[in-house]
Amino acid sequence: MNDSSRIIQEIVKQQGEIQANVTNILSGDFKVLILPFTAHVTIPEGYRQKYDFKEPIDAIEASVRLWATNLALSFLKECDERSKDDHFNLYTKLLNLTGQREPEELYRNFPKCSNLIYLETVIFGLASQPS
């Protein structure tokens, strides 16, 4: 068997494994959780000067994305353990501050996930602004 044949066999094998995984996902028990957040940050120049705020926006946005990833990972925990998670608690407090009681209950009681596929969709506020 030459190298080309081995490569083709490996591709066919991997394709079969991928198809089996897709079939398991589509026919199996899975949960969809929508967990909205934005990492877009604007700090007016007046506040930057008044509070001597020098942190670059890119660093702040990276920190927010890391926090949101940790929030998503909290759903790999049982509900009672998740309720002790700092990232989860901050998110539920933010929901409370905005009057979002229904989503808070949903997130608080959402069953533990054994696996996680995290899809981040980026929607910039500028894209929704009329030109």
Foldseek 3Di string as FASTA:
>chain_A
DDPVVVVVVVVVVVVVVVVVVVVCVVPHDDDDDDDDDALDDDDDPVVCVVVVPDDDSVVSSVVVVVLVVVCQVLLQDALVSSCVDPSLVVSLVVCVVVVNPVVSVCVSHPGRDNDDDDDDDDDDPVVPDDD
